[in-house]
Amino acid sequence: MVIHDISLAVSPKTVTWDGVELGFSPLWTCRIGPGSDCNVSMWTVGAHTGTHVDAPLHFVANGGDIAGLDLNTLVGPAQVVEILGTQEITSEDLDTAGIGEDIVRVIFKTDNTQRQLVHDTKFHADYTGVGQEAAEWLVAHGVKLVGVDYLSVGVYGEKNTKVHQTLLGAGVVILETLSLDEIVPGRYLLAALPPKIADIEGSPCRAILIEE
């Protein structure tokens, strides 16, 4: 069994959405030394910092929260699909991508990975994302989880909101900011588990792909 960690290591330098969202800031409340025998920290961290999961509540007013996500969606067979040379993934791209009819978890490896965007501390608005027709295609084909290799699933701008609403409104879990540098397109076992936090719309998580 080979395990691939597709999570981005988080630090205070980790890129955030438009460079303005809350990132990661650690505070050491206790350090080993005189008067203390242990290290203890507390963090301030944005829900969408680094590799993270979007629950329906992110864009659906009464949608489900992170704690309520179905573990059967977050763990199971997935297909990594490579789509290059476009800024907006279309339904035509998906028609020819070779996505298995039995696949309900799809991860897109795009030019974002070739450009090393998730590793850049600067936000790039020209990232590759899923277009509206592609989002509708994914819902129509029964996909339950969509993963992407940058900070947001939809292309930058107004379309991003609509893509989120389409996917999350249909109960599709979104997995964002994946590090796919070493990942060869194909089938894997995915595990992407966030902490069980109630009444929250998103959460950082540790995501892995397993070769079986």
N, C-alpha and C. Protein backbone atom coordinates (compact mmCIF):
# COMPACT_ATOMS: atom_id res chain seq x y z
N MET A 1 0.83 -1.19 0.00
CA MET A 1 0.00 0.00 0.00
C MET A 1 0.88 1.25 0.00
N VAL A 2 0.64 2.14 -0.96
CA VAL A 2 1.39 3.39 -1.06
C VAL A 2 0.44 4.55 -0.73
N ILE A 3 0.84 5.39 0.21
CA ILE A 3 0.02 6.52 0.63
C ILE A 3 0.64 7.81 0.12
N HIS A 4 -0.17 8.62 -0.55
CA HIS A 4 0.25 9.93 -1.03
C HIS A 4 -0.45 11.01 -0.23
N ASP A 5 0.32 11.87 0.39
CA ASP A 5 -0.25 13.00 1.12
C ASP A 5 -0.50 14.13 0.12
N ILE A 6 -1.75 14.51 -0.10
CA ILE A 6 -2.07 15.57 -1.06
C ILE A 6 -2.52 16.84 -0.33
N SER A 7 -2.14 16.93 0.94
CA SER A 7 -2.45 18.11 1.74
C SER A 7 -1.31 19.11 1.65
N LEU A 8 -1.66 20.37 1.72
CA LEU A 8 -0.68 21.44 1.73
C LEU A 8 -0.26 21.73 3.16
N ALA A 9 1.04 21.75 3.44
CA ALA A 9 1.51 22.11 4.78
C ALA A 9 1.16 23.58 5.04
N VAL A 10 0.52 23.84 6.18
CA VAL A 10 0.04 25.19 6.49
C VAL A 10 1.03 25.92 7.38
N SER A 11 1.25 27.18 7.05
CA SER A 11 2.12 28.06 7.85
C SER A 11 1.56 29.47 7.74
N PRO A 12 2.11 30.42 8.50
CA PRO A 12 1.64 31.80 8.36
C PRO A 12 1.82 32.37 6.95
N LYS A 13 2.64 31.72 6.12
CA LYS A 13 2.87 32.20 4.75
C LYS A 13 1.91 31.58 3.74
N THR A 14 1.07 30.65 4.16
CA THR A 14 0.17 29.97 3.24
C THR A 14 -0.75 30.96 2.52
N VAL A 15 -0.86 30.80 1.21
CA VAL A 15 -1.68 31.71 0.41
C VAL A 15 -3.14 31.66 0.84
N THR A 16 -3.81 32.81 0.83
CA THR A 16 -5.24 32.89 1.16
C THR A 16 -6.00 33.52 0.01
N TRP A 17 -7.32 33.36 0.04
CA TRP A 17 -8.18 33.83 -1.04
C TRP A 17 -8.06 35.35 -1.22
N ASP A 18 -7.69 35.77 -2.41
CA ASP A 18 -7.53 37.18 -2.74
C ASP A 18 -6.52 37.89 -1.84
N GLY A 19 -5.79 37.10 -1.05
CA GLY A 19 -4.80 37.67 -0.15
C GLY A 19 -5.38 38.40 1.04
N VAL A 20 -6.71 38.26 1.25
CA VAL A 20 -7.35 39.01 2.33
C VAL A 20 -8.02 38.13 3.38
N GLU A 21 -8.31 36.87 3.04
CA GLU A 21 -8.96 35.99 4.02
C GLU A 21 -8.00 35.66 5.16
N LEU A 22 -8.59 35.31 6.29
CA LEU A 22 -7.81 34.91 7.45
C LEU A 22 -6.99 33.67 7.13
N GLY A 23 -5.70 33.70 7.44
CA GLY A 23 -4.84 32.55 7.21
C GLY A 23 -4.57 31.79 8.49
N PHE A 24 -3.31 31.57 8.79
CA PHE A 24 -2.93 30.77 9.95
C PHE A 24 -1.97 31.57 10.83
N SER A 25 -2.27 31.63 12.11
CA SER A 25 -1.41 32.34 13.05
C SER A 25 -1.33 31.54 14.34
N PRO A 26 -0.17 30.95 14.66
CA PRO A 26 -0.01 30.17 15.89
C PRO A 26 0.43 31.06 17.06
N LEU A 27 0.04 30.65 18.24
CA LEU A 27 0.47 31.34 19.46
C LEU A 27 0.88 30.28 20.47
N TRP A 28 2.13 30.36 20.92
CA TRP A 28 2.61 29.42 21.94
C TRP A 28 2.19 29.95 23.31
N THR A 29 1.34 29.19 23.98
CA THR A 29 0.91 29.58 25.33
C THR A 29 1.81 28.98 26.39
N CYS A 30 2.62 28.00 25.99
CA CYS A 30 3.53 27.35 26.94
C CYS A 30 4.69 26.76 26.15
N ARG A 31 5.91 27.01 26.60
CA ARG A 31 7.09 26.44 25.96
C ARG A 31 7.95 25.74 27.00
N ILE A 32 8.59 24.64 26.59
CA ILE A 32 9.45 23.90 27.50
C ILE A 32 10.60 24.80 27.96
N GLY A 33 10.78 24.86 29.26
CA GLY A 33 11.81 25.71 29.84
C GLY A 33 11.53 25.88 31.32
N PRO A 34 12.15 26.86 31.93
CA PRO A 34 11.92 27.09 33.36
C PRO A 34 10.44 27.30 33.67
N GLY A 35 9.90 26.46 34.52
CA GLY A 35 8.50 26.58 34.93
C GLY A 35 7.53 25.83 34.05
N SER A 36 8.00 25.17 32.99
CA SER A 36 7.10 24.43 32.10
C SER A 36 7.81 23.21 31.54
N ASP A 37 7.11 22.07 31.53
CA ASP A 37 7.70 20.85 31.01
C ASP A 37 7.06 20.41 29.69
N CYS A 38 6.28 21.30 29.07
CA CYS A 38 5.64 20.92 27.81
C CYS A 38 5.45 22.15 26.91
N ASN A 39 5.21 21.87 25.62
CA ASN A 39 4.85 22.90 24.66
C ASN A 39 3.34 22.83 24.41
N VAL A 40 2.67 23.97 24.44
CA VAL A 40 1.24 24.05 24.18
C VAL A 40 0.97 25.26 23.29
N SER A 41 0.15 25.07 22.28
CA SER A 41 -0.14 26.18 21.37
C SER A 41 -1.64 26.35 21.19
N MET A 42 -2.02 27.53 20.74
CA MET A 42 -3.37 27.77 20.26
C MET A 42 -3.25 28.48 18.92
N TRP A 43 -4.28 28.33 18.06
CA TRP A 43 -4.18 28.84 16.71
C TRP A 43 -5.35 29.76 16.38
N THR A 44 -5.08 30.69 15.51
CA THR A 44 -6.13 31.40 14.79
C THR A 44 -5.97 30.97 13.33
N VAL A 45 -7.03 30.40 12.77
CA VAL A 45 -6.92 29.85 11.42
C VAL A 45 -8.25 30.01 10.69
N GLY A 46 -8.19 30.41 9.43
CA GLY A 46 -9.39 30.50 8.62
C GLY A 46 -9.91 29.12 8.25
N ALA A 47 -11.21 28.99 8.15
CA ALA A 47 -11.83 27.70 7.83
C ALA A 47 -11.43 27.19 6.45
N HIS A 48 -10.98 28.10 5.57
CA HIS A 48 -10.64 27.72 4.20
C HIS A 48 -9.15 27.91 3.93
N THR A 49 -8.34 27.73 4.97
CA THR A 49 -6.89 27.86 4.85
C THR A 49 -6.26 26.52 4.49
N GLY A 50 -5.38 26.53 3.49
CA GLY A 50 -4.73 25.29 3.09
C GLY A 50 -5.73 24.30 2.52
N THR A 51 -5.37 23.03 2.54
CA THR A 51 -6.27 21.98 2.06
C THR A 51 -7.49 21.92 2.98
N HIS A 52 -8.68 22.02 2.38
CA HIS A 52 -9.88 22.13 3.21
C HIS A 52 -11.12 21.59 2.49
N VAL A 53 -12.14 21.37 3.30
CA VAL A 53 -13.43 20.88 2.81
C VAL A 53 -14.47 21.97 2.94
N ASP A 54 -15.28 22.11 1.89
CA ASP A 54 -16.46 22.98 1.94
C ASP A 54 -17.68 22.11 2.18
N ALA A 55 -18.45 22.45 3.22
CA ALA A 55 -19.75 21.82 3.45
C ALA A 55 -20.84 22.65 2.80
N PRO A 56 -22.04 22.11 2.59
CA PRO A 56 -23.12 22.89 1.97
C PRO A 56 -23.38 24.23 2.63
N LEU A 57 -23.20 24.32 3.94
CA LEU A 57 -23.48 25.56 4.67
C LEU A 57 -22.66 26.74 4.14
N HIS A 58 -21.58 26.47 3.43
CA HIS A 58 -20.72 27.54 2.90
C HIS A 58 -21.50 28.48 1.96
N PHE A 59 -22.37 27.89 1.12
CA PHE A 59 -23.13 28.71 0.17
C PHE A 59 -24.63 28.43 0.19
N VAL A 60 -25.08 27.56 1.08
CA VAL A 60 -26.50 27.24 1.20
C VAL A 60 -26.95 27.66 2.59
N ALA A 61 -27.92 28.56 2.67
CA ALA A 61 -28.30 29.20 3.94
C ALA A 61 -28.58 28.20 5.04
N ASN A 62 -29.31 27.15 4.75
CA ASN A 62 -29.64 26.14 5.77
C ASN A 62 -28.98 24.80 5.45
N GLY A 63 -27.82 24.87 4.79
CA GLY A 63 -27.14 23.65 4.40
C GLY A 63 -26.46 22.94 5.56
N GLY A 64 -26.04 21.73 5.31
CA GLY A 64 -25.39 20.93 6.33
C GLY A 64 -24.01 21.46 6.67
N ASP A 65 -23.58 21.18 7.90
CA ASP A 65 -22.29 21.67 8.38
C ASP A 65 -21.20 20.61 8.24
N ILE A 66 -20.01 20.97 8.66
CA ILE A 66 -18.87 20.04 8.56
C ILE A 66 -19.12 18.77 9.37
N ALA A 67 -19.65 18.91 10.57
CA ALA A 67 -19.88 17.74 11.44
C ALA A 67 -20.85 16.75 10.82
N GLY A 68 -21.73 17.24 9.96
CA GLY A 68 -22.75 16.37 9.40
C GLY A 68 -22.38 15.72 8.08
N LEU A 69 -21.17 15.97 7.57
CA LEU A 69 -20.77 15.37 6.30
C LEU A 69 -20.72 13.85 6.41
N ASP A 70 -21.16 13.19 5.36
CA ASP A 70 -21.21 11.74 5.32
C ASP A 70 -19.80 11.16 5.15
N LEU A 71 -19.36 10.34 6.07
CA LEU A 71 -18.03 9.73 5.98
C LEU A 71 -17.91 8.87 4.73
N ASN A 72 -19.02 8.33 4.25
CA ASN A 72 -18.99 7.51 3.04
C ASN A 72 -18.69 8.34 1.80
N THR A 73 -18.85 9.65 1.90
CA THR A 73 -18.46 10.54 0.80
C THR A 73 -16.99 10.92 0.92
N LEU A 74 -16.55 11.15 2.14
CA LEU A 74 -15.18 11.61 2.39
C LEU A 74 -14.13 10.52 2.24
N VAL A 75 -14.55 9.27 2.26
CA VAL A 75 -13.62 8.14 2.13
C VAL A 75 -14.15 7.18 1.08
N GLY A 76 -13.30 6.83 0.11
CA GLY A 76 -13.73 5.87 -0.90
C GLY A 76 -12.96 6.02 -2.20
N PRO A 77 -13.27 5.20 -3.20
CA PRO A 77 -12.58 5.26 -4.49
C PRO A 77 -12.74 6.62 -5.15
N ALA A 78 -11.65 7.11 -5.75
CA ALA A 78 -11.66 8.40 -6.45
C ALA A 78 -10.84 8.28 -7.71
N GLN A 79 -11.10 9.18 -8.64
CA GLN A 79 -10.31 9.23 -9.87
C GLN A 79 -9.69 10.61 -10.02
N VAL A 80 -8.38 10.64 -10.20
CA VAL A 80 -7.66 11.88 -10.50
C VAL A 80 -7.65 12.04 -12.01
N VAL A 81 -8.21 13.15 -12.47
CA VAL A 81 -8.35 13.43 -13.90
C VAL A 81 -7.51 14.64 -14.26
N GLU A 82 -6.66 14.51 -15.27
CA GLU A 82 -5.81 15.63 -15.70
C GLU A 82 -6.46 16.36 -16.87
N ILE A 83 -6.68 17.66 -16.69
CA ILE A 83 -7.22 18.52 -17.74
C ILE A 83 -6.31 19.73 -17.85
N LEU A 84 -5.66 19.86 -19.00
CA LEU A 84 -4.67 20.92 -19.18
C LEU A 84 -5.07 21.86 -20.31
N GLY A 85 -4.45 23.04 -20.31
CA GLY A 85 -4.61 23.96 -21.42
C GLY A 85 -5.88 24.77 -21.41
N THR A 86 -6.54 24.88 -20.27
CA THR A 86 -7.75 25.67 -20.18
C THR A 86 -7.85 26.33 -18.82
N GLN A 87 -8.48 27.48 -18.77
CA GLN A 87 -8.70 28.15 -17.49
C GLN A 87 -10.06 27.80 -16.91
N GLU A 88 -10.97 27.34 -17.77
CA GLU A 88 -12.31 26.97 -17.32
C GLU A 88 -12.66 25.58 -17.82
N ILE A 89 -12.81 24.64 -16.91
CA ILE A 89 -13.18 23.27 -17.27
C ILE A 89 -14.63 23.26 -17.73
N THR A 90 -14.88 22.68 -18.90
CA THR A 90 -16.21 22.67 -19.49
C THR A 90 -16.82 21.27 -19.45
N SER A 91 -18.10 21.20 -19.79
CA SER A 91 -18.77 19.90 -19.85
C SER A 91 -18.17 19.06 -20.98
N GLU A 92 -17.71 19.72 -22.05
CA GLU A 92 -17.06 18.99 -23.14
C GLU A 92 -15.75 18.36 -22.66
N ASP A 93 -15.02 19.08 -21.82
CA ASP A 93 -13.80 18.51 -21.24
C ASP A 93 -14.13 17.24 -20.45
N LEU A 94 -15.21 17.28 -19.71
CA LEU A 94 -15.59 16.13 -18.87
C LEU A 94 -16.07 14.96 -19.72
N ASP A 95 -16.73 15.26 -20.85
CA ASP A 95 -17.19 14.20 -21.74
C ASP A 95 -16.03 13.37 -22.26
N THR A 96 -14.88 13.99 -22.43
CA THR A 96 -13.73 13.31 -23.02
C THR A 96 -12.64 12.97 -22.01
N ALA A 97 -12.91 13.18 -20.73
CA ALA A 97 -11.87 13.01 -19.70
C ALA A 97 -11.70 11.56 -19.27
N GLY A 98 -12.62 10.70 -19.68
CA GLY A 98 -12.50 9.29 -19.30
C GLY A 98 -12.88 9.01 -17.86
N ILE A 99 -13.78 9.80 -17.30
CA ILE A 99 -14.24 9.58 -15.92
C ILE A 99 -15.10 8.33 -15.89
N GLY A 100 -14.75 7.40 -15.00
CA GLY A 100 -15.48 6.15 -14.93
C GLY A 100 -16.93 6.34 -14.55
N GLU A 101 -17.80 5.54 -15.13
CA GLU A 101 -19.23 5.65 -14.84
C GLU A 101 -19.54 5.34 -13.38
N ASP A 102 -18.66 4.58 -12.73
CA ASP A 102 -18.85 4.20 -11.34
C ASP A 102 -18.22 5.20 -10.37
N ILE A 103 -17.56 6.21 -10.88
CA ILE A 103 -16.80 7.15 -10.04
C ILE A 103 -17.73 8.23 -9.48
N VAL A 104 -17.67 8.42 -8.15
CA VAL A 104 -18.46 9.47 -7.50
C VAL A 104 -17.56 10.50 -6.81
N ARG A 105 -16.25 10.31 -6.89
CA ARG A 105 -15.28 11.27 -6.34
C ARG A 105 -14.27 11.59 -7.44
N VAL A 106 -14.25 12.86 -7.85
CA VAL A 106 -13.38 13.27 -8.95
C VAL A 106 -12.44 14.36 -8.45
N ILE A 107 -11.16 14.21 -8.75
CA ILE A 107 -10.15 15.21 -8.40
C ILE A 107 -9.50 15.71 -9.69
N PHE A 108 -9.50 17.02 -9.87
CA PHE A 108 -8.95 17.60 -11.08
C PHE A 108 -7.51 18.07 -10.88
N LYS A 109 -6.64 17.56 -11.74
CA LYS A 109 -5.25 18.01 -11.79
C LYS A 109 -5.11 18.87 -13.05
N THR A 110 -4.77 20.14 -12.88
CA THR A 110 -4.81 21.09 -13.97
C THR A 110 -3.49 21.85 -14.11
N ASP A 111 -3.53 22.89 -14.93
CA ASP A 111 -2.37 23.76 -15.06
C ASP A 111 -1.98 24.40 -13.73
N ASN A 112 -2.91 24.46 -12.78
CA ASN A 112 -2.58 24.98 -11.45
C ASN A 112 -1.40 24.24 -10.85
N THR A 113 -1.41 22.91 -11.02
CA THR A 113 -0.33 22.09 -10.48
C THR A 113 0.97 22.35 -11.23
N GLN A 114 0.90 22.41 -12.55
CA GLN A 114 2.12 22.68 -13.33
C GLN A 114 2.71 24.04 -12.97
N ARG A 115 1.85 24.99 -12.62
CA ARG A 115 2.31 26.34 -12.27
C ARG A 115 2.69 26.46 -10.79
N GLN A 116 2.48 25.37 -10.04
CA GLN A 116 2.84 25.35 -8.61
C GLN A 116 2.10 26.43 -7.81
N LEU A 117 0.86 26.69 -8.17
CA LEU A 117 0.13 27.81 -7.58
C LEU A 117 -0.12 27.66 -6.08
N VAL A 118 -0.40 26.44 -5.62
CA VAL A 118 -0.71 26.29 -4.18
C VAL A 118 0.52 26.53 -3.32
N HIS A 119 1.70 26.47 -3.94
CA HIS A 119 2.93 26.68 -3.18
C HIS A 119 3.41 28.13 -3.23
N ASP A 120 2.71 28.96 -3.98
CA ASP A 120 3.07 30.37 -4.11
C ASP A 120 2.35 31.16 -3.02
N THR A 121 3.04 32.05 -2.36
CA THR A 121 2.42 32.85 -1.30
C THR A 121 1.55 33.97 -1.86
N LYS A 122 1.64 34.20 -3.17
CA LYS A 122 0.82 35.22 -3.83
C LYS A 122 -0.44 34.59 -4.40
N PHE A 123 -1.58 35.27 -4.26
CA PHE A 123 -2.84 34.79 -4.83
C PHE A 123 -2.87 35.06 -6.33
N HIS A 124 -3.32 34.05 -7.11
CA HIS A 124 -3.43 34.18 -8.55
C HIS A 124 -4.89 34.04 -8.97
N ALA A 125 -5.45 35.10 -9.55
CA ALA A 125 -6.86 35.07 -9.96
C ALA A 125 -7.06 34.30 -11.27
N ASP A 126 -5.99 34.03 -12.01
CA ASP A 126 -6.11 33.35 -13.30
C ASP A 126 -5.94 31.84 -13.18
N TYR A 127 -6.31 31.29 -12.04
CA TYR A 127 -6.22 29.84 -11.84
C TYR A 127 -7.27 29.12 -12.69
N THR A 128 -7.07 27.83 -12.87
CA THR A 128 -8.05 27.00 -13.57
C THR A 128 -9.12 26.52 -12.60
N GLY A 129 -10.39 26.65 -13.00
CA GLY A 129 -11.49 26.20 -12.16
C GLY A 129 -12.57 25.52 -12.99
N VAL A 130 -13.58 25.05 -12.30
CA VAL A 130 -14.71 24.38 -12.94
C VAL A 130 -15.72 25.42 -13.41
N GLY A 131 -16.18 25.29 -14.65
CA GLY A 131 -17.21 26.17 -15.18
C GLY A 131 -18.60 25.72 -14.77
N GLN A 132 -19.60 26.56 -15.01
CA GLN A 132 -20.96 26.27 -14.59
C GLN A 132 -21.53 25.02 -15.26
N GLU A 133 -21.35 24.90 -16.57
CA GLU A 133 -21.87 23.71 -17.26
C GLU A 133 -21.19 22.44 -16.77
N ALA A 134 -19.91 22.54 -16.44
CA ALA A 134 -19.18 21.38 -15.91
C ALA A 134 -19.72 21.01 -14.53
N ALA A 135 -20.04 22.03 -13.72
CA ALA A 135 -20.62 21.75 -12.40
C ALA A 135 -21.96 21.02 -12.55
N GLU A 136 -22.77 21.46 -13.50
CA GLU A 136 -24.05 20.81 -13.74
C GLU A 136 -23.84 19.38 -14.24
N TRP A 137 -22.81 19.18 -15.06
CA TRP A 137 -22.47 17.84 -15.56
C TRP A 137 -22.13 16.92 -14.39
N LEU A 138 -21.32 17.40 -13.46
CA LEU A 138 -20.91 16.59 -12.32
C LEU A 138 -22.10 16.18 -11.47
N VAL A 139 -23.02 17.12 -11.24
CA VAL A 139 -24.23 16.80 -10.47
C VAL A 139 -25.07 15.78 -11.22
N ALA A 140 -25.26 15.99 -12.52
CA ALA A 140 -26.09 15.09 -13.32
C ALA A 140 -25.52 13.68 -13.38
N HIS A 141 -24.21 13.56 -13.27
CA HIS A 141 -23.56 12.24 -13.34
C HIS A 141 -23.34 11.62 -11.96
N GLY A 142 -23.96 12.19 -10.94
CA GLY A 142 -23.94 11.56 -9.63
C GLY A 142 -22.66 11.70 -8.84
N VAL A 143 -21.81 12.65 -9.21
CA VAL A 143 -20.57 12.86 -8.46
C VAL A 143 -20.90 13.45 -7.09
N LYS A 144 -20.26 12.92 -6.04
CA LYS A 144 -20.55 13.34 -4.66
C LYS A 144 -19.43 14.16 -4.03
N LEU A 145 -18.25 14.14 -4.63
CA LEU A 145 -17.12 14.91 -4.12
C LEU A 145 -16.28 15.39 -5.29
N VAL A 146 -15.91 16.67 -5.26
CA VAL A 146 -15.06 17.25 -6.30
C VAL A 146 -13.84 17.87 -5.63
N GLY A 147 -12.65 17.50 -6.09
CA GLY A 147 -11.42 18.04 -5.55
C GLY A 147 -10.69 18.85 -6.61
N VAL A 148 -10.04 19.94 -6.18
CA VAL A 148 -9.31 20.81 -7.11
C VAL A 148 -7.95 21.19 -6.56
N ASP A 149 -7.07 21.62 -7.47
CA ASP A 149 -5.68 21.92 -7.09
C ASP A 149 -5.41 23.41 -6.94
N TYR A 150 -6.44 24.17 -6.53
CA TYR A 150 -6.22 25.55 -6.10
C TYR A 150 -7.26 25.90 -5.05
N LEU A 151 -7.33 27.16 -4.69
CA LEU A 151 -8.08 27.57 -3.50
C LEU A 151 -9.59 27.48 -3.64
N SER A 152 -10.10 27.46 -4.88
CA SER A 152 -11.55 27.45 -5.07
C SER A 152 -11.94 26.60 -6.26
N VAL A 153 -13.10 25.99 -6.19
CA VAL A 153 -13.52 25.05 -7.23
C VAL A 153 -13.91 25.75 -8.52
N GLY A 154 -14.56 26.91 -8.42
CA GLY A 154 -15.02 27.62 -9.61
C GLY A 154 -14.00 28.63 -10.10
N VAL A 155 -14.14 29.02 -11.36
CA VAL A 155 -13.25 30.04 -11.90
C VAL A 155 -13.48 31.36 -11.16
N TYR A 156 -12.49 32.21 -11.17
CA TYR A 156 -12.54 33.46 -10.41
C TYR A 156 -13.65 34.38 -10.93
N GLY A 157 -14.33 35.04 -10.00
CA GLY A 157 -15.38 35.99 -10.37
C GLY A 157 -16.76 35.48 -10.00
N GLU A 158 -17.78 36.06 -10.63
CA GLU A 158 -19.17 35.74 -10.30
C GLU A 158 -19.49 34.27 -10.53
N LYS A 159 -18.85 33.66 -11.53
CA LYS A 159 -19.12 32.25 -11.83
C LYS A 159 -18.77 31.36 -10.64
N ASN A 160 -17.81 31.77 -9.84
CA ASN A 160 -17.38 30.96 -8.71
C ASN A 160 -18.52 30.73 -7.72
N THR A 161 -19.28 31.79 -7.46
CA THR A 161 -20.42 31.67 -6.55
C THR A 161 -21.44 30.69 -7.10
N LYS A 162 -21.77 30.80 -8.37
CA LYS A 162 -22.78 29.93 -8.98
C LYS A 162 -22.33 28.47 -8.96
N VAL A 163 -21.05 28.24 -9.24
CA VAL A 163 -20.53 26.86 -9.23
C VAL A 163 -20.64 26.27 -7.82
N HIS A 164 -20.25 27.06 -6.81
CA HIS A 164 -20.40 26.59 -5.43
C HIS A 164 -21.86 26.28 -5.11
N GLN A 165 -22.76 27.16 -5.49
CA GLN A 165 -24.18 26.97 -5.19
C GLN A 165 -24.72 25.72 -5.88
N THR A 166 -24.28 25.49 -7.11
CA THR A 166 -24.74 24.32 -7.85
C THR A 166 -24.27 23.03 -7.20
N LEU A 167 -22.99 22.97 -6.87
CA LEU A 167 -22.43 21.75 -6.29
C LEU A 167 -22.93 21.54 -4.86
N LEU A 168 -22.75 22.55 -4.02
CA LEU A 168 -23.14 22.40 -2.61
C LEU A 168 -24.64 22.26 -2.46
N GLY A 169 -25.40 22.92 -3.33
CA GLY A 169 -26.85 22.80 -3.28
C GLY A 169 -27.33 21.40 -3.59
N ALA A 170 -26.51 20.65 -4.34
CA ALA A 170 -26.85 19.26 -4.67
C ALA A 170 -26.21 18.28 -3.69
N GLY A 171 -25.58 18.81 -2.65
CA GLY A 171 -24.97 17.95 -1.64
C GLY A 171 -23.59 17.44 -1.99
N VAL A 172 -22.97 18.03 -3.02
CA VAL A 172 -21.62 17.62 -3.41
C VAL A 172 -20.61 18.27 -2.47
N VAL A 173 -19.74 17.47 -1.91
CA VAL A 173 -18.67 17.98 -1.04
C VAL A 173 -17.54 18.51 -1.92
N ILE A 174 -16.98 19.66 -1.53
CA ILE A 174 -15.89 20.27 -2.30
C ILE A 174 -14.60 20.19 -1.48
N LEU A 175 -13.54 19.71 -2.13
CA LEU A 175 -12.23 19.56 -1.51
C LEU A 175 -11.25 20.44 -2.28
N GLU A 176 -10.71 21.47 -1.61
CA GLU A 176 -9.92 22.49 -2.30
C GLU A 176 -8.48 22.58 -1.79
N THR A 177 -7.63 23.19 -2.63
CA THR A 177 -6.22 23.44 -2.33
C THR A 177 -5.46 22.13 -2.12
N LEU A 178 -5.57 21.25 -3.11
CA LEU A 178 -4.86 19.97 -3.07
C LEU A 178 -3.49 20.11 -3.73
N SER A 179 -2.51 19.43 -3.16
CA SER A 179 -1.15 19.41 -3.69
C SER A 179 -0.96 18.11 -4.47
N LEU A 180 -1.00 18.21 -5.79
CA LEU A 180 -1.01 17.02 -6.64
C LEU A 180 0.26 16.85 -7.45
N ASP A 181 1.33 17.51 -7.04
CA ASP A 181 2.58 17.50 -7.80
C ASP A 181 3.04 16.10 -8.20
N GLU A 182 2.97 15.18 -7.27
CA GLU A 182 3.53 13.84 -7.50
C GLU A 182 2.47 12.81 -7.89
N ILE A 183 1.25 13.27 -8.15
CA ILE A 183 0.15 12.34 -8.39
C ILE A 183 -0.05 12.07 -9.87
N VAL A 184 -0.02 10.81 -10.23
CA VAL A 184 -0.29 10.38 -11.61
C VAL A 184 -1.79 10.19 -11.77
N PRO A 185 -2.39 10.71 -12.83
CA PRO A 185 -3.83 10.50 -13.03
C PRO A 185 -4.19 9.02 -12.97
N GLY A 186 -5.33 8.75 -12.40
CA GLY A 186 -5.77 7.36 -12.27
C GLY A 186 -6.67 7.19 -11.06
N ARG A 187 -6.88 5.94 -10.69
CA ARG A 187 -7.78 5.61 -9.59
C ARG A 187 -7.02 5.36 -8.29
N TYR A 188 -7.60 5.86 -7.21
CA TYR A 188 -7.01 5.73 -5.88
C TYR A 188 -8.13 5.55 -4.86
N LEU A 189 -7.73 5.31 -3.63
CA LEU A 189 -8.65 5.40 -2.50
C LEU A 189 -8.39 6.73 -1.82
N LEU A 190 -9.42 7.54 -1.71
CA LEU A 190 -9.31 8.87 -1.10
C LEU A 190 -9.79 8.84 0.34
N ALA A 191 -9.09 9.56 1.22
CA ALA A 191 -9.56 9.84 2.57
C ALA A 191 -9.31 11.32 2.84
N ALA A 192 -10.36 12.07 3.15
CA ALA A 192 -10.25 13.50 3.41
C ALA A 192 -11.14 13.82 4.61
N LEU A 193 -10.54 13.82 5.80
CA LEU A 193 -11.32 13.91 7.02
C LEU A 193 -11.03 15.20 7.79
N PRO A 194 -12.01 16.08 7.88
CA PRO A 194 -11.87 17.29 8.70
C PRO A 194 -12.24 16.99 10.15
N PRO A 195 -11.86 17.84 11.09
CA PRO A 195 -12.33 17.68 12.47
C PRO A 195 -13.86 17.75 12.51
N LYS A 196 -14.46 17.08 13.48
CA LYS A 196 -15.92 17.05 13.59
C LYS A 196 -16.40 18.29 14.34
N ILE A 197 -16.56 19.40 13.59
CA ILE A 197 -16.92 20.68 14.17
C ILE A 197 -18.34 21.04 13.74
N ALA A 198 -19.19 21.36 14.70
CA ALA A 198 -20.59 21.66 14.42
C ALA A 198 -20.78 23.12 14.03
N ASP A 199 -21.81 23.36 13.21
CA ASP A 199 -22.25 24.71 12.83
C ASP A 199 -21.15 25.52 12.14
N ILE A 200 -20.29 24.84 11.40
CA ILE A 200 -19.21 25.48 10.67
C ILE A 200 -19.29 25.06 9.20
N GLU A 201 -18.99 26.01 8.29
CA GLU A 201 -19.19 25.79 6.86
C GLU A 201 -18.00 25.16 6.14
N GLY A 202 -16.83 25.19 6.76
CA GLY A 202 -15.64 24.66 6.12
C GLY A 202 -14.59 24.33 7.15
N SER A 203 -13.60 23.54 6.76
CA SER A 203 -12.56 23.17 7.71
C SER A 203 -11.33 22.65 7.00
N PRO A 204 -10.13 23.04 7.47
CA PRO A 204 -8.92 22.37 7.01
C PRO A 204 -9.02 20.87 7.26
N CYS A 205 -8.35 20.08 6.43
CA CYS A 205 -8.37 18.64 6.61
C CYS A 205 -7.06 18.04 6.12
N ARG A 206 -6.82 16.81 6.46
CA ARG A 206 -5.68 16.04 5.94
C ARG A 206 -6.24 15.12 4.87
N ALA A 207 -5.79 15.28 3.66
CA ALA A 207 -6.29 14.47 2.54
C ALA A 207 -5.18 13.57 2.03
N ILE A 208 -5.51 12.32 1.79
CA ILE A 208 -4.54 11.35 1.26
C ILE A 208 -5.16 10.54 0.13
N LEU A 209 -4.29 10.08 -0.76
CA LEU A 209 -4.67 9.13 -1.79
C LEU A 209 -3.86 7.85 -1.56
N ILE A 210 -4.53 6.71 -1.65
CA ILE A 210 -3.88 5.43 -1.41
C ILE A 210 -3.93 4.59 -2.67
N GLU A 211 -2.77 4.08 -3.07
CA GLU A 211 -2.70 3.13 -4.17
C GLU A 211 -2.98 1.75 -3.61
N GLU A 212 -3.94 1.07 -4.21
CA GLU A 212 -4.29 -0.26 -3.71
C GLU A 212 -3.68 -1.35 -4.60
